[in-house]
Amino acid sequence: MSDPPRAAWCESFLCRLRGLTFRRPITLDEGLLLVFGRDSRVDSSIHMLGVSFDLAVFWINSEMRVVDKVVAGAWKPAYFPKSPARYVLEVHASRINDFEIGQTVQFQDA
């Protein structure tokens, strides 16, 4: 696996709403970590409207376990995780194999 992505912490409603909408494509080492108040399938759903590039998306629950992953296509209306999640990690689409469902992950403040 390559070096972990440096993901921006995104906890406010406005930050999560905007996400990567109408932004330039991210590089291999960039990402965005959407943070929600609880594990939920609905709260942690995402949209790709206004996002002009594909993303690897990982849903992570409050136990820090990857519960779902997908390559989200540009301009697609909605993606929901198969299981409730508290965090959504959005990274370059080529990183889809960096994490597997069931894997435990950790965040580091760097």
Protein backbone atom coordinates (compact mmCIF):
# COMPACT_ATOMS: atom_id res chain seq x y z
CA MET A 1 0.00 0.00 0.00
CA SER A 2 1.21 3.51 -0.73
CA ASP A 3 1.52 6.18 1.95
CA PRO A 4 -1.79 7.03 3.62
CA PRO A 5 -3.64 9.97 2.11
CA ARG A 6 -3.61 13.32 3.91
CA ALA A 7 -7.32 13.88 4.32
CA ALA A 8 -8.86 17.17 5.37
CA TRP A 9 -11.17 16.85 8.40
CA CYS A 10 -14.71 17.89 7.40
CA GLU A 11 -17.16 17.96 10.32
CA SER A 12 -19.45 20.97 9.82
CA PHE A 13 -22.69 20.65 7.87
CA LEU A 14 -21.54 23.15 5.23
CA CYS A 15 -18.17 21.44 4.77
CA ARG A 16 -19.86 18.04 4.32
CA LEU A 17 -22.48 19.50 1.99
CA ARG A 18 -19.84 21.05 -0.26
CA GLY A 19 -17.41 18.15 -0.07
CA LEU A 20 -15.43 18.05 -3.30
CA THR A 21 -18.19 19.66 -5.39
CA PHE A 22 -16.86 21.96 -8.14
CA ARG A 23 -13.24 21.45 -7.06
CA ARG A 24 -10.22 20.39 -9.05
CA PRO A 25 -9.45 16.65 -9.14
CA ILE A 26 -7.57 15.47 -6.08
CA THR A 27 -4.07 14.01 -6.24
CA LEU A 28 -3.08 10.50 -5.12
CA ASP A 29 -2.10 11.71 -1.64
CA GLU A 30 -5.13 13.96 -0.97
CA GLY A 31 -8.49 13.15 0.51
CA LEU A 32 -11.46 14.38 2.48
CA LEU A 33 -12.78 12.81 5.69
CA LEU A 34 -16.45 13.55 6.29
CA VAL A 35 -17.33 13.26 9.98
CA PHE A 36 -20.87 12.66 11.26
CA GLY A 37 -22.27 12.64 14.79
CA ARG A 38 -23.29 8.99 14.80
CA ASP A 39 -23.28 5.77 12.81
CA SER A 40 -26.01 6.02 10.17
CA ARG A 41 -26.65 4.83 6.63
CA VAL A 42 -28.67 7.93 5.75
CA ASP A 43 -26.45 10.57 7.40
CA SER A 44 -23.31 9.12 5.80
CA SER A 45 -24.75 8.93 2.28
CA ILE A 46 -22.96 11.02 -0.34
CA HIS A 47 -23.72 12.57 -3.70
CA MET A 48 -21.36 13.16 -6.61
CA LEU A 49 -23.35 15.93 -8.29
CA GLY A 50 -20.89 18.63 -9.28
CA VAL A 51 -17.90 16.32 -8.78
CA SER A 52 -16.19 15.90 -12.15
CA PHE A 53 -13.94 12.95 -11.23
CA ASP A 54 -14.37 9.48 -9.75
CA LEU A 55 -13.50 8.82 -6.10
CA ALA A 56 -12.70 5.81 -3.95
CA VAL A 57 -15.10 6.08 -1.02
CA PHE A 58 -14.72 4.18 2.25
CA TRP A 59 -17.39 4.16 4.96
CA ILE A 60 -16.00 3.66 8.47
CA ASN A 61 -18.06 3.10 11.60
CA SER A 62 -17.45 4.47 15.11
CA GLU A 63 -15.48 1.30 15.94
CA MET A 64 -13.04 2.37 13.19
CA ARG A 65 -13.96 -0.57 10.96
CA VAL A 66 -14.46 -0.21 7.19
CA VAL A 67 -18.09 -1.21 6.58
CA ASP A 68 -18.35 -0.50 2.84
CA LYS A 69 -16.41 0.86 -0.12
CA VAL A 70 -17.11 1.87 -3.70
CA VAL A 71 -15.65 3.75 -6.64
CA ALA A 72 -18.13 6.60 -6.85
CA GLY A 73 -18.67 7.84 -10.38
CA ALA A 74 -18.56 11.51 -11.32
CA TRP A 75 -21.96 13.23 -11.36
CA LYS A 76 -23.86 10.25 -9.88
CA PRO A 77 -26.79 11.25 -7.64
CA ALA A 78 -26.31 9.19 -4.48
CA TYR A 79 -24.38 6.46 -2.69
CA PHE A 80 -25.46 4.84 0.58
CA PRO A 81 -23.28 2.47 2.62
CA LYS A 82 -24.44 -1.11 3.18
CA SER A 83 -23.98 -0.64 6.93
CA PRO A 84 -24.18 2.41 9.21
CA ALA A 85 -21.05 4.58 9.24
CA ARG A 86 -19.80 7.65 11.10
CA TYR A 87 -16.94 8.58 8.75
CA VAL A 88 -16.65 8.77 4.98
CA LEU A 89 -13.16 8.84 3.49
CA GLU A 90 -13.02 10.17 -0.08
CA VAL A 91 -9.73 9.66 -1.92
CA HIS A 92 -8.35 9.24 -5.44
CA ALA A 93 -10.22 6.47 -7.29
CA SER A 94 -7.02 4.48 -7.85
CA ARG A 95 -6.77 3.89 -4.08
CA ILE A 96 -9.88 1.66 -3.93
CA ASN A 97 -7.78 -1.34 -2.86
CA ASP A 98 -6.03 0.52 -0.02
CA PHE A 99 -8.63 -0.73 2.49
CA GLU A 100 -10.91 -3.75 2.65
CA ILE A 101 -14.34 -4.16 4.22
CA GLY A 102 -13.87 -5.38 7.80
CA GLN A 103 -10.42 -3.82 8.15
CA THR A 104 -9.76 -1.65 11.21
CA VAL A 105 -8.25 1.76 10.46
CA GLN A 106 -6.94 4.69 12.47
CA PHE A 107 -6.68 8.42 11.91
CA GLN A 108 -3.54 10.33 12.78
CA ASP A 109 -3.35 14.07 13.27
CA ALA A 110 -0.29 15.04 11.28
